Amino acid sequence: MGLFDMFKGESSGADEISYADLAAAMQAQSCTLIDVREHSEFAAGHVAGAENRPLSGFDAARLPNDKPVILICRSGARSGQALAKARAAGRADVRHYRGGVMGWAEAGNKLV
């Protein structure tokens, strides 16, 4: 079973990942989490293990290929825009977490 097979039916759409699935994927280290907020926002607090690739310079062609990619931002808007760019570049192994960093923290997780 692939990483995104476990997400079927768990989120509101094929492009989104639920909190529970994101937490499980992060725990298993089975995805690459890309934070598309600007550098200053990322430095102020981010999900441990996330890579920072701001939307202002986002290049879907440069996303990692070794694991499925999850995109995150503050509250889901920018990660949705980055997802559209990834889809346009032909990437089917990318999802986004609509809850964003705010939702991650509200669920009781610490930001680093």
PDB file of N, CA and C in Angstrom:
ATOM      1  N   MET A   1       0.841  -1.174   0.000  1.00  0.00           N
ATOM      2  CA  MET A   1       0.000   0.000   0.000  1.00  0.00           C
ATOM      3  C   MET A   1       0.884   1.234   0.000  1.00  0.00           C
ATOM      4  N   GLY A   2       0.628   2.170  -0.913  1.00  0.00           N
ATOM      5  CA  GLY A   2       1.389   3.405  -0.979  1.00  0.00           C
ATOM      6  C   GLY A   2       0.901   4.402   0.058  1.00  0.00           C
ATOM      7  N   LEU A   3       1.687   5.426   0.293  1.00  0.00           N
ATOM      8  CA  LEU A   3       1.341   6.429   1.293  1.00  0.00           C
ATOM      9  C   LEU A   3      -0.037   7.006   1.064  1.00  0.00           C
ATOM     10  N   PHE A   4      -0.349   7.395  -0.166  1.00  0.00           N
ATOM     11  CA  PHE A   4      -1.636   8.043  -0.395  1.00  0.00           C
ATOM     12  C   PHE A   4      -2.799   7.057  -0.448  1.00  0.00           C
ATOM     13  N   ASP A   5      -2.533   5.755  -0.526  1.00  0.00           N
ATOM     14  CA  ASP A   5      -3.618   4.781  -0.451  1.00  0.00           C
ATOM     15  C   ASP A   5      -4.319   4.880   0.904  1.00  0.00           C
ATOM     16  N   MET A   6      -3.553   5.162   1.943  1.00  0.00           N
ATOM     17  CA  MET A   6      -4.152   5.241   3.275  1.00  0.00           C
ATOM     18  C   MET A   6      -4.999   6.498   3.444  1.00  0.00           C
ATOM     19  N   PHE A   7      -4.887   7.457   2.547  1.00  0.00           N
ATOM     20  CA  PHE A   7      -5.645   8.691   2.667  1.00  0.00           C
ATOM     21  C   PHE A   7      -7.013   8.620   2.001  1.00  0.00           C
ATOM     22  N   LYS A   8      -7.252   7.626   1.184  1.00  0.00           N
ATOM     23  CA  LYS A   8      -8.520   7.558   0.465  1.00  0.00           C
ATOM     24  C   LYS A   8      -9.682   7.545   1.446  1.00  0.00           C
ATOM     25  N   GLY A   9     -10.589   8.492   1.226  1.00  0.00           N
ATOM     26  CA  GLY A   9     -11.766   8.565   2.082  1.00  0.00           C
ATOM     27  C   GLY A   9     -11.532   9.305   3.397  1.00  0.00           C
ATOM     28  N   GLU A  10     -10.292   9.679   3.694  1.00  0.00           N
ATOM     29  CA  GLU A  10      -9.999  10.322   4.968  1.00  0.00           C
ATOM     30  C   GLU A  10     -10.096  11.834   4.909  1.00  0.00           C
ATOM     31  N   SER A  11      -9.955  12.406   3.740  1.00  0.00           N
ATOM     32  CA  SER A  11      -9.965  13.861   3.644  1.00  0.00           C
ATOM     33  C   SER A  11     -11.117  14.312   2.767  1.00  0.00           C
ATOM     34  N   SER A  12     -11.289  15.620   2.695  1.00  0.00           N
ATOM     35  CA  SER A  12     -12.432  16.143   1.958  1.00  0.00           C
ATOM     36  C   SER A  12     -12.231  16.106   0.452  1.00  0.00           C
ATOM     37  N   GLY A  13     -11.044  15.785  -0.010  1.00  0.00           N
ATOM     38  CA  GLY A  13     -10.799  15.717  -1.438  1.00  0.00           C
ATOM     39  C   GLY A  13      -9.485  15.026  -1.718  1.00  0.00           C
ATOM     40  N   ALA A  14      -9.325  14.608  -2.964  1.00  0.00           N
ATOM     41  CA  ALA A  14      -8.119  13.883  -3.346  1.00  0.00           C
ATOM     42  C   ALA A  14      -6.869  14.744  -3.248  1.00  0.00           C
ATOM     43  N   ASP A  15      -7.030  16.048  -3.199  1.00  0.00           N
ATOM     44  CA  ASP A  15      -5.874  16.935  -3.127  1.00  0.00           C
ATOM     45  C   ASP A  15      -5.479  17.266  -1.685  1.00  0.00           C
ATOM     46  N   GLU A  16      -6.304  16.878  -0.743  1.00  0.00           N
ATOM     47  CA  GLU A  16      -6.072  17.222   0.651  1.00  0.00           C
ATOM     48  C   GLU A  16      -5.733  16.006   1.484  1.00  0.00           C
ATOM     49  N   ILE A  17      -5.077  16.266   2.598  1.00  0.00           N
ATOM     50  CA  ILE A  17      -4.750  15.227   3.558  1.00  0.00           C
ATOM     51  C   ILE A  17      -5.329  15.653   4.907  1.00  0.00           C
ATOM     52  N   SER A  18      -5.842  14.715   5.650  1.00  0.00           N
ATOM     53  CA  SER A  18      -6.407  15.018   6.961  1.00  0.00           C
ATOM     54  C   SER A  18      -5.300  15.191   7.987  1.00  0.00           C
ATOM     55  N   TYR A  19      -5.657  15.771   9.103  1.00  0.00           N
ATOM     56  CA  TYR A  19      -4.687  15.918  10.188  1.00  0.00           C
ATOM     57  C   TYR A  19      -4.150  14.556  10.618  1.00  0.00           C
ATOM     58  N   ALA A  20      -5.044  13.606  10.829  1.00  0.00           N
ATOM     59  CA  ALA A  20      -4.637  12.275  11.303  1.00  0.00           C
ATOM     60  C   ALA A  20      -3.660  11.619  10.330  1.00  0.00           C
ATOM     61  N   ASP A  21      -3.930  11.755   9.043  1.00  0.00           N
ATOM     62  CA  ASP A  21      -3.047  11.146   8.052  1.00  0.00           C
ATOM     63  C   ASP A  21      -1.705  11.869   7.967  1.00  0.00           C
ATOM     64  N   LEU A  22      -1.733  13.191   8.101  1.00  0.00           N
ATOM     65  CA  LEU A  22      -0.479  13.941   8.106  1.00  0.00           C
ATOM     66  C   LEU A  22       0.359  13.549   9.319  1.00  0.00           C
ATOM     67  N   ALA A  23      -0.264  13.486  10.484  1.00  0.00           N
ATOM     68  CA  ALA A  23       0.463  13.118  11.698  1.00  0.00           C
ATOM     69  C   ALA A  23       1.069  11.725  11.566  1.00  0.00           C
ATOM     70  N   ALA A  24       0.309  10.781  11.000  1.00  0.00           N
ATOM     71  CA  ALA A  24       0.819   9.421  10.818  1.00  0.00           C
ATOM     72  C   ALA A  24       1.978   9.393   9.828  1.00  0.00           C
ATOM     73  N   ALA A  25       1.857  10.143   8.750  1.00  0.00           N
ATOM     74  CA  ALA A  25       2.921  10.188   7.742  1.00  0.00           C
ATOM     75  C   ALA A  25       4.186  10.824   8.308  1.00  0.00           C
ATOM     76  N   MET A  26       4.024  11.868   9.116  1.00  0.00           N
ATOM     77  CA  MET A  26       5.187  12.508   9.730  1.00  0.00           C
ATOM     78  C   MET A  26       5.843  11.556  10.731  1.00  0.00           C
ATOM     79  N   GLN A  27       5.037  10.866  11.514  1.00  0.00           N
ATOM     80  CA  GLN A  27       5.567   9.910  12.490  1.00  0.00           C
ATOM     81  C   GLN A  27       6.342   8.798  11.789  1.00  0.00           C
ATOM     82  N   ALA A  28       5.815   8.320  10.665  1.00  0.00           N
ATOM     83  CA  ALA A  28       6.452   7.223   9.916  1.00  0.00           C
ATOM     84  C   ALA A  28       7.573   7.718   8.997  1.00  0.00           C
ATOM     85  N   GLN A  29       7.717   9.034   8.898  1.00  0.00           N
ATOM     86  CA  GLN A  29       8.691   9.647   7.996  1.00  0.00           C
ATOM     87  C   GLN A  29       8.509   9.142   6.559  1.00  0.00           C
ATOM     88  N   SER A  30       7.244   9.042   6.163  1.00  0.00           N
ATOM     89  CA  SER A  30       6.921   8.501   4.838  1.00  0.00           C
ATOM     90  C   SER A  30       6.524   9.575   3.833  1.00  0.00           C
ATOM     91  N   CYS A  31       6.765  10.846   4.178  1.00  0.00           N
ATOM     92  CA  CYS A  31       6.477  11.938   3.264  1.00  0.00           C
ATOM     93  C   CYS A  31       7.526  13.026   3.436  1.00  0.00           C
ATOM     94  N   THR A  32       7.545  13.945   2.497  1.00  0.00           N
ATOM     95  CA  THR A  32       8.346  15.160   2.629  1.00  0.00           C
ATOM     96  C   THR A  32       7.368  16.299   2.835  1.00  0.00           C
ATOM     97  N   LEU A  33       7.512  17.024   3.935  1.00  0.00           N
ATOM     98  CA  LEU A  33       6.630  18.150   4.238  1.00  0.00           C
ATOM     99  C   LEU A  33       7.310  19.429   3.765  1.00  0.00           C
ATOM    100  N   ILE A  34       6.636  20.150   2.876  1.00  0.00           N
ATOM    101  CA  ILE A  34       7.153  21.395   2.326  1.00  0.00           C
ATOM    102  C   ILE A  34       6.282  22.546   2.829  1.00  0.00           C
ATOM    103  N   ASP A  35       6.896  23.478   3.542  1.00  0.00           N
ATOM    104  CA  ASP A  35       6.215  24.661   4.063  1.00  0.00           C
ATOM    105  C   ASP A  35       6.428  25.789   3.050  1.00  0.00           C
ATOM    106  N   VAL A  36       5.346  26.308   2.487  1.00  0.00           N
ATOM    107  CA  VAL A  36       5.449  27.308   1.425  1.00  0.00           C
ATOM    108  C   VAL A  36       5.313  28.748   1.934  1.00  0.00           C
ATOM    109  N   ARG A  37       5.387  28.952   3.246  1.00  0.00           N
ATOM    110  CA  ARG A  37       5.363  30.311   3.790  1.00  0.00           C
ATOM    111  C   ARG A  37       6.716  30.975   3.546  1.00  0.00           C
ATOM    112  N   GLU A  38       6.748  32.273   3.693  1.00  0.00           N
ATOM    113  CA  GLU A  38       7.982  33.021   3.504  1.00  0.00           C
ATOM    114  C   GLU A  38       8.982  32.677   4.613  1.00  0.00           C
ATOM    115  N   HIS A  39      10.252  32.945   4.357  1.00  0.00           N
ATOM    116  CA  HIS A  39      11.322  32.567   5.273  1.00  0.00           C
ATOM    117  C   HIS A  39      11.099  33.093   6.692  1.00  0.00           C
ATOM    118  N   SER A  40      10.659  34.332   6.823  1.00  0.00           N
ATOM    119  CA  SER A  40      10.454  34.915   8.157  1.00  0.00           C
ATOM    120  C   SER A  40       9.336  34.191   8.908  1.00  0.00           C
ATOM    121  N   GLU A  41       8.283  33.802   8.199  1.00  0.00           N
ATOM    122  CA  GLU A  41       7.184  33.063   8.829  1.00  0.00           C
ATOM    123  C   GLU A  41       7.658  31.687   9.284  1.00  0.00           C
ATOM    124  N   PHE A  42       8.414  31.034   8.429  1.00  0.00           N
ATOM    125  CA  PHE A  42       8.952  29.714   8.739  1.00  0.00           C
ATOM    126  C   PHE A  42       9.851  29.792   9.973  1.00  0.00           C
ATOM    127  N   ALA A  43      10.711  30.805  10.019  1.00  0.00           N
ATOM    128  CA  ALA A  43      11.638  30.965  11.137  1.00  0.00           C
ATOM    129  C   ALA A  43      10.910  31.223  12.452  1.00  0.00           C
ATOM    130  N   ALA A  44       9.716  31.811  12.384  1.00  0.00           N
ATOM    131  CA  ALA A  44       8.943  32.114  13.582  1.00  0.00           C
ATOM    132  C   ALA A  44       8.297  30.873  14.189  1.00  0.00           C
ATOM    133  N   GLY A  45       8.224  29.790  13.459  1.00  0.00           N
ATOM    134  CA  GLY A  45       7.662  28.544  13.962  1.00  0.00           C
ATOM    135  C   GLY A  45       7.143  27.674  12.841  1.00  0.00           C
ATOM    136  N   HIS A  46       7.588  26.424  12.822  1.00  0.00           N
ATOM    137  CA  HIS A  46       7.183  25.501  11.763  1.00  0.00           C
ATOM    138  C   HIS A  46       7.097  24.074  12.311  1.00  0.00           C
ATOM    139  N   VAL A  47       6.516  23.200  11.547  1.00  0.00           N
ATOM    140  CA  VAL A  47       6.414  21.791  11.910  1.00  0.00           C
ATOM    141  C   VAL A  47       7.810  21.182  11.816  1.00  0.00           C
ATOM    142  N   ALA A  48       8.208  20.466  12.849  1.00  0.00           N
ATOM    143  CA  ALA A  48       9.521  19.826  12.849  1.00  0.00           C
ATOM    144  C   ALA A  48       9.656  18.919  11.630  1.00  0.00           C
ATOM    145  N   GLY A  49      10.784  19.047  10.947  1.00  0.00           N
ATOM    146  CA  GLY A  49      11.050  18.223   9.778  1.00  0.00           C
ATOM    147  C   GLY A  49      10.632  18.841   8.458  1.00  0.00           C
ATOM    148  N   ALA A  50       9.927  19.967   8.509  1.00  0.00           N
ATOM    149  CA  ALA A  50       9.470  20.620   7.277  1.00  0.00           C
ATOM    150  C   ALA A  50      10.641  21.310   6.578  1.00  0.00           C
ATOM    151  N   GLU A  51      10.569  21.365   5.257  1.00  0.00           N
ATOM    152  CA  GLU A  51      11.511  22.128   4.443  1.00  0.00           C
ATOM    153  C   GLU A  51      10.811  23.414   4.026  1.00  0.00           C
ATOM    154  N   ASN A  52      11.537  24.506   3.958  1.00  0.00           N
ATOM    155  CA  ASN A  52      10.957  25.784   3.581  1.00  0.00           C
ATOM    156  C   ASN A  52      11.222  26.078   2.107  1.00  0.00           C
ATOM    157  N   ARG A  53      10.149  26.203   1.336  1.00  0.00           N
ATOM    158  CA  ARG A  53      10.213  26.575  -0.077  1.00  0.00           C
ATOM    159  C   ARG A  53       9.087  27.563  -0.336  1.00  0.00           C
ATOM    160  N   PRO A  54       9.344  28.856  -0.104  1.00  0.00           N
ATOM    161  CA  PRO A  54       8.293  29.874  -0.188  1.00  0.00           C
ATOM    162  C   PRO A  54       7.553  29.885  -1.526  1.00  0.00           C
ATOM    163  N   LEU A  55       6.264  30.141  -1.438  1.00  0.00           N
ATOM    164  CA  LEU A  55       5.426  30.212  -2.629  1.00  0.00           C
ATOM    165  C   LEU A  55       5.931  31.284  -3.594  1.00  0.00           C
ATOM    166  N   SER A  56       6.513  32.360  -3.072  1.00  0.00           N
ATOM    167  CA  SER A  56       6.981  33.456  -3.927  1.00  0.00           C
ATOM    168  C   SER A  56       8.042  32.996  -4.928  1.00  0.00           C
ATOM    169  N   GLY A  57       8.734  31.906  -4.639  1.00  0.00           N
ATOM    170  CA  GLY A  57       9.732  31.377  -5.571  1.00  0.00           C
ATOM    171  C   GLY A  57       9.532  29.903  -5.831  1.00  0.00           C
ATOM    172  N   PHE A  58       8.309  29.433  -5.611  1.00  0.00           N
ATOM    173  CA  PHE A  58       8.014  28.001  -5.684  1.00  0.00           C
ATOM    174  C   PHE A  58       8.197  27.447  -7.096  1.00  0.00           C
ATOM    175  N   ASP A  59       8.949  26.367  -7.184  1.00  0.00           N
ATOM    176  CA  ASP A  59       9.201  25.686  -8.453  1.00  0.00           C
ATOM    177  C   ASP A  59       8.839  24.221  -8.275  1.00  0.00           C
ATOM    178  N   ALA A  60       7.689  23.819  -8.776  1.00  0.00           N
ATOM    179  CA  ALA A  60       7.215  22.453  -8.610  1.00  0.00           C
ATOM    180  C   ALA A  60       8.180  21.432  -9.203  1.00  0.00           C
ATOM    181  N   ALA A  61       8.927  21.827 -10.201  1.00  0.00           N
ATOM    182  CA  ALA A  61       9.888  20.910 -10.825  1.00  0.00           C
ATOM    183  C   ALA A  61      11.025  20.547  -9.875  1.00  0.00           C
ATOM    184  N   ARG A  62      11.211  21.333  -8.830  1.00  0.00           N
ATOM    185  CA  ARG A  62      12.302  21.085  -7.891  1.00  0.00           C
ATOM    186  C   ARG A  62      11.848  20.363  -6.629  1.00  0.00           C
ATOM    187  N   LEU A  63      10.594  19.899  -6.597  1.00  0.00           N
ATOM    188  CA  LEU A  63      10.118  19.142  -5.442  1.00  0.00           C
ATOM    189  C   LEU A  63      10.817  17.783  -5.399  1.00  0.00           C
ATOM    190  N   PRO A  64      11.061  17.273  -4.205  1.00  0.00           N
ATOM    191  CA  PRO A  64      11.698  15.951  -4.089  1.00  0.00           C
ATOM    192  C   PRO A  64      10.853  14.867  -4.756  1.00  0.00           C
ATOM    193  N   ASN A  65      11.512  13.843  -5.245  1.00  0.00           N
ATOM    194  CA  ASN A  65      10.820  12.740  -5.918  1.00  0.00           C
ATOM    195  C   ASN A  65      10.886  11.427  -5.151  1.00  0.00           C
ATOM    196  N   ASP A  66      11.596  11.394  -4.031  1.00  0.00           N
ATOM    197  CA  ASP A  66      11.809  10.127  -3.339  1.00  0.00           C
ATOM    198  C   ASP A  66      10.660   9.699  -2.437  1.00  0.00           C
ATOM    199  N   LYS A  67       9.796  10.639  -2.046  1.00  0.00           N
ATOM    200  CA  LYS A  67       8.645  10.354  -1.189  1.00  0.00           C
ATOM    201  C   LYS A  67       7.487  11.234  -1.644  1.00  0.00           C
ATOM    202  N   PRO A  68       6.261  10.852  -1.318  1.00  0.00           N
ATOM    203  CA  PRO A  68       5.136  11.757  -1.571  1.00  0.00           C
ATOM    204  C   PRO A  68       5.364  13.078  -0.840  1.00  0.00           C
ATOM    205  N   VAL A  69       4.830  14.145  -1.385  1.00  0.00           N
ATOM    206  CA  VAL A  69       5.026  15.490  -0.847  1.00  0.00           C
ATOM    207  C   VAL A  69       3.713  16.010  -0.269  1.00  0.00           C
ATOM    208  N   ILE A  70       3.821  16.595   0.925  1.00  0.00           N
ATOM    209  CA  ILE A  70       2.698  17.278   1.557  1.00  0.00           C
ATOM    210  C   ILE A  70       3.079  18.747   1.655  1.00  0.00           C
ATOM    211  N   LEU A  71       2.198  19.620   1.209  1.00  0.00           N
ATOM    212  CA  LEU A  71       2.421  21.059   1.261  1.00  0.00           C
ATOM    213  C   LEU A  71       1.649  21.649   2.437  1.00  0.00           C
ATOM    214  N   ILE A  72       2.252  22.630   3.097  1.00  0.00           N
ATOM    215  CA  ILE A  72       1.617  23.274   4.241  1.00  0.00           C
ATOM    216  C   ILE A  72       1.949  24.768   4.210  1.00  0.00           C
ATOM    217  N   CYS A  73       1.056  25.565   4.753  1.00  0.00           N
ATOM    218  CA  CYS A  73       1.305  27.005   4.900  1.00  0.00           C
ATOM    219  C   CYS A  73       0.689  27.427   6.227  1.00  0.00           C
ATOM    220  N   ARG A  74       0.262  28.644   6.348  1.00  0.00           N
ATOM    221  CA  ARG A  74      -0.325  29.103   7.603  1.00  0.00           C
ATOM    222  C   ARG A  74      -1.713  28.506   7.818  1.00  0.00           C
ATOM    223  N   SER A  75      -2.555  28.604   6.774  1.00  0.00           N
ATOM    224  CA  SER A  75      -3.938  28.152   6.958  1.00  0.00           C
ATOM    225  C   SER A  75      -4.535  27.453   5.736  1.00  0.00           C
ATOM    226  N   GLY A  76      -3.732  27.109   4.760  1.00  0.00           N
ATOM    227  CA  GLY A  76      -4.214  26.327   3.629  1.00  0.00           C
ATOM    228  C   GLY A  76      -4.321  27.017   2.286  1.00  0.00           C
ATOM    229  N   ALA A  77      -4.339  28.338   2.256  1.00  0.00           N
ATOM    230  CA  ALA A  77      -4.518  29.044   0.981  1.00  0.00           C
ATOM    231  C   ALA A  77      -3.289  28.920   0.078  1.00  0.00           C
ATOM    232  N   ARG A  78      -2.121  29.253   0.624  1.00  0.00           N
ATOM    233  CA  ARG A  78      -0.905  29.199  -0.202  1.00  0.00           C
ATOM    234  C   ARG A  78      -0.512  27.778  -0.556  1.00  0.00           C
ATOM    235  N   SER A  79      -0.745  26.835   0.354  1.00  0.00           N
ATOM    236  CA  SER A  79      -0.424  25.447   0.009  1.00  0.00           C
ATOM    237  C   SER A  79      -1.337  24.960  -1.111  1.00  0.00           C
ATOM    238  N   GLY A  80      -2.568  25.452  -1.158  1.00  0.00           N
ATOM    239  CA  GLY A  80      -3.467  25.129  -2.263  1.00  0.00           C
ATOM    240  C   GLY A  80      -2.962  25.694  -3.584  1.00  0.00           C
ATOM    241  N   GLN A  81      -2.415  26.898  -3.547  1.00  0.00           N
ATOM    242  CA  GLN A  81      -1.840  27.499  -4.755  1.00  0.00           C
ATOM    243  C   GLN A  81      -0.615  26.709  -5.217  1.00  0.00           C
ATOM    244  N   ALA A  82       0.221  26.314  -4.272  1.00  0.00           N
ATOM    245  CA  ALA A  82       1.414  25.517  -4.610  1.00  0.00           C
ATOM    246  C   ALA A  82       0.998  24.166  -5.167  1.00  0.00           C
ATOM    247  N   LEU A  83      -0.074  23.596  -4.621  1.00  0.00           N
ATOM    248  CA  LEU A  83      -0.578  22.318  -5.127  1.00  0.00           C
ATOM    249  C   LEU A  83      -1.006  22.453  -6.583  1.00  0.00           C
ATOM    250  N   ALA A  84      -1.689  23.547  -6.914  1.00  0.00           N
ATOM    251  CA  ALA A  84      -2.108  23.774  -8.304  1.00  0.00           C
ATOM    252  C   ALA A  84      -0.889  23.828  -9.225  1.00  0.00           C
ATOM    253  N   LYS A  85       0.184  24.458  -8.757  1.00  0.00           N
ATOM    254  CA  LYS A  85       1.413  24.512  -9.553  1.00  0.00           C
ATOM    255  C   LYS A  85       2.028  23.120  -9.709  1.00  0.00           C
ATOM    256  N   ALA A  86       1.981  22.335  -8.652  1.00  0.00           N
ATOM    257  CA  ALA A  86       2.514  20.970  -8.717  1.00  0.00           C
ATOM    258  C   ALA A  86       1.697  20.114  -9.681  1.00  0.00           C
ATOM    259  N   ARG A  87       0.386  20.265  -9.637  1.00  0.00           N
ATOM    260  CA  ARG A  87      -0.478  19.515 -10.558  1.00  0.00           C
ATOM    261  C   ARG A  87      -0.185  19.924 -12.008  1.00  0.00           C
ATOM    262  N   ALA A  88      -0.027  21.220 -12.235  1.00  0.00           N
ATOM    263  CA  ALA A  88       0.264  21.716 -13.583  1.00  0.00           C
ATOM    264  C   ALA A  88       1.601  21.181 -14.091  1.00  0.00           C
ATOM    265  N   ALA A  89       2.502  20.871 -13.169  1.00  0.00           N
ATOM    266  CA  ALA A  89       3.810  20.316 -13.530  1.00  0.00           C
ATOM    267  C   ALA A  89       3.764  18.793 -13.660  1.00  0.00           C
ATOM    268  N   GLY A  90       2.568  18.220 -13.482  1.00  0.00           N
ATOM    269  CA  GLY A  90       2.408  16.781 -13.657  1.00  0.00           C
ATOM    270  C   GLY A  90       2.634  15.939 -12.421  1.00  0.00           C
ATOM    271  N   ARG A  91       2.693  16.552 -11.249  1.00  0.00           N
ATOM    272  CA  ARG A  91       2.926  15.800 -10.019  1.00  0.00           C
ATOM    273  C   ARG A  91       1.610  15.313  -9.425  1.00  0.00           C
ATOM    274  N   ALA A  92       1.434  14.001  -9.404  1.00  0.00           N
ATOM    275  CA  ALA A  92       0.234  13.404  -8.820  1.00  0.00           C
ATOM    276  C   ALA A  92       0.465  12.968  -7.379  1.00  0.00           C
ATOM    277  N   ASP A  93       1.721  12.983  -6.931  1.00  0.00           N
ATOM    278  CA  ASP A  93       2.070  12.502  -5.596  1.00  0.00           C
ATOM    279  C   ASP A  93       2.183  13.629  -4.576  1.00  0.00           C
ATOM    280  N   VAL A  94       1.423  14.686  -4.779  1.00  0.00           N
ATOM    281  CA  VAL A  94       1.466  15.848  -3.896  1.00  0.00           C
ATOM    282  C   VAL A  94       0.062  16.097  -3.355  1.00  0.00           C
ATOM    283  N   ARG A  95      -0.016  16.413  -2.061  1.00  0.00           N
ATOM    284  CA  ARG A  95      -1.273  16.786  -1.401  1.00  0.00           C
ATOM    285  C   ARG A  95      -0.986  18.035  -0.569  1.00  0.00           C
ATOM    286  N   HIS A  96      -2.038  18.631  -0.037  1.00  0.00           N
ATOM    287  CA  HIS A  96      -1.817  19.731   0.898  1.00  0.00           C
ATOM    288  C   HIS A  96      -2.684  19.556   2.128  1.00  0.00           C
ATOM    289  N   TYR A  97      -2.191  20.135   3.230  1.00  0.00           N
ATOM    290  CA  TYR A  97      -2.898  20.101   4.498  1.00  0.00           C
ATOM    291  C   TYR A  97      -3.585  21.438   4.704  1.00  0.00           C
ATOM    292  N   ARG A  98      -4.885  21.440   4.510  1.00  0.00           N
ATOM    293  CA  ARG A  98      -5.679  22.667   4.577  1.00  0.00           C
ATOM    294  C   ARG A  98      -5.636  23.325   5.954  1.00  0.00           C
ATOM    295  N   GLY A  99      -5.438  22.558   6.992  1.00  0.00           N
ATOM    296  CA  GLY A  99      -5.398  23.132   8.341  1.00  0.00           C
ATOM    297  C   GLY A  99      -4.193  24.009   8.586  1.00  0.00           C
ATOM    298  N   GLY A 100      -3.156  23.805   7.826  1.00  0.00           N
ATOM    299  CA  GLY A 100      -1.952  24.608   7.929  1.00  0.00           C
ATOM    300  C   GLY A 100      -1.238  24.485   9.263  1.00  0.00           C
ATOM    301  N   VAL A 101      -0.242  25.317   9.418  1.00  0.00           N
ATOM    302  CA  VAL A 101       0.543  25.327  10.643  1.00  0.00           C
ATOM    303  C   VAL A 101      -0.350  25.682  11.836  1.00  0.00           C
ATOM    304  N   MET A 102      -1.328  26.545  11.608  1.00  0.00           N
ATOM    305  CA  MET A 102      -2.252  26.910  12.684  1.00  0.00           C
ATOM    306  C   MET A 102      -3.024  25.683  13.159  1.00  0.00           C
ATOM    307  N   GLY A 103      -3.528  24.889  12.233  1.00  0.00           N
ATOM    308  CA  GLY A 103      -4.265  23.682  12.594  1.00  0.00           C
ATOM    309  C   GLY A 103      -3.384  22.657  13.282  1.00  0.00           C
ATOM    310  N   TRP A 104      -2.147  22.549  12.823  1.00  0.00           N
ATOM    311  CA  TRP A 104      -1.187  21.627  13.438  1.00  0.00           C
ATOM    312  C   TRP A 104      -0.965  22.016  14.909  1.00  0.00           C
ATOM    313  N   ALA A 105      -0.770  23.303  15.147  1.00  0.00           N
ATOM    314  CA  ALA A 105      -0.541  23.780  16.514  1.00  0.00           C
ATOM    315  C   ALA A 105      -1.804  23.666  17.369  1.00  0.00           C
ATOM    316  N   GLU A 106      -2.964  23.980  16.777  1.00  0.00           N
ATOM    317  CA  GLU A 106      -4.226  23.873  17.516  1.00  0.00           C
ATOM    318  C   GLU A 106      -4.536  22.444  17.942  1.00  0.00           C
ATOM    319  N   ALA A 107      -3.956  21.464  17.220  1.00  0.00           N
ATOM    320  CA  ALA A 107      -4.159  20.065  17.583  1.00  0.00           C
ATOM    321  C   ALA A 107      -3.224  19.634  18.716  1.00  0.00           C
ATOM    322  N   GLY A 108      -2.445  20.603  19.249  1.00  0.00           N
ATOM    323  CA  GLY A 108      -1.587  20.320  20.380  1.00  0.00           C
ATOM    324  C   GLY A 108      -0.141  20.027  20.058  1.00  0.00           C
ATOM    325  N   ASN A 109       0.244  20.203  18.799  1.00  0.00           N
ATOM    326  CA  ASN A 109       1.626  19.947  18.405  1.00  0.00           C
ATOM    327  C   ASN A 109       2.463  21.201  18.577  1.00  0.00           C
ATOM    328  N   LYS A 110       3.714  20.997  18.947  1.00  0.00           N
ATOM    329  CA  LYS A 110       4.633  22.110  19.107  1.00  0.00           C
ATOM    330  C   LYS A 110       5.221  22.485  17.756  1.00  0.00           C
ATOM    331  N   LEU A 111       5.503  23.766  17.605  1.00  0.00           N
ATOM    332  CA  LEU A 111       6.229  24.252  16.441  1.00  0.00           C
ATOM    333  C   LEU A 111       7.671  24.499  16.873  1.00  0.00           C
ATOM    334  N   VAL A 112       8.585  24.334  15.949  1.00  0.00           N
ATOM    335  CA  VAL A 112       9.999  24.555  16.266  1.00  0.00           C
ATOM    336  C   VAL A 112      10.490  25.812  15.574  1.00  0.00           C
TER     337      VAL A 112
END
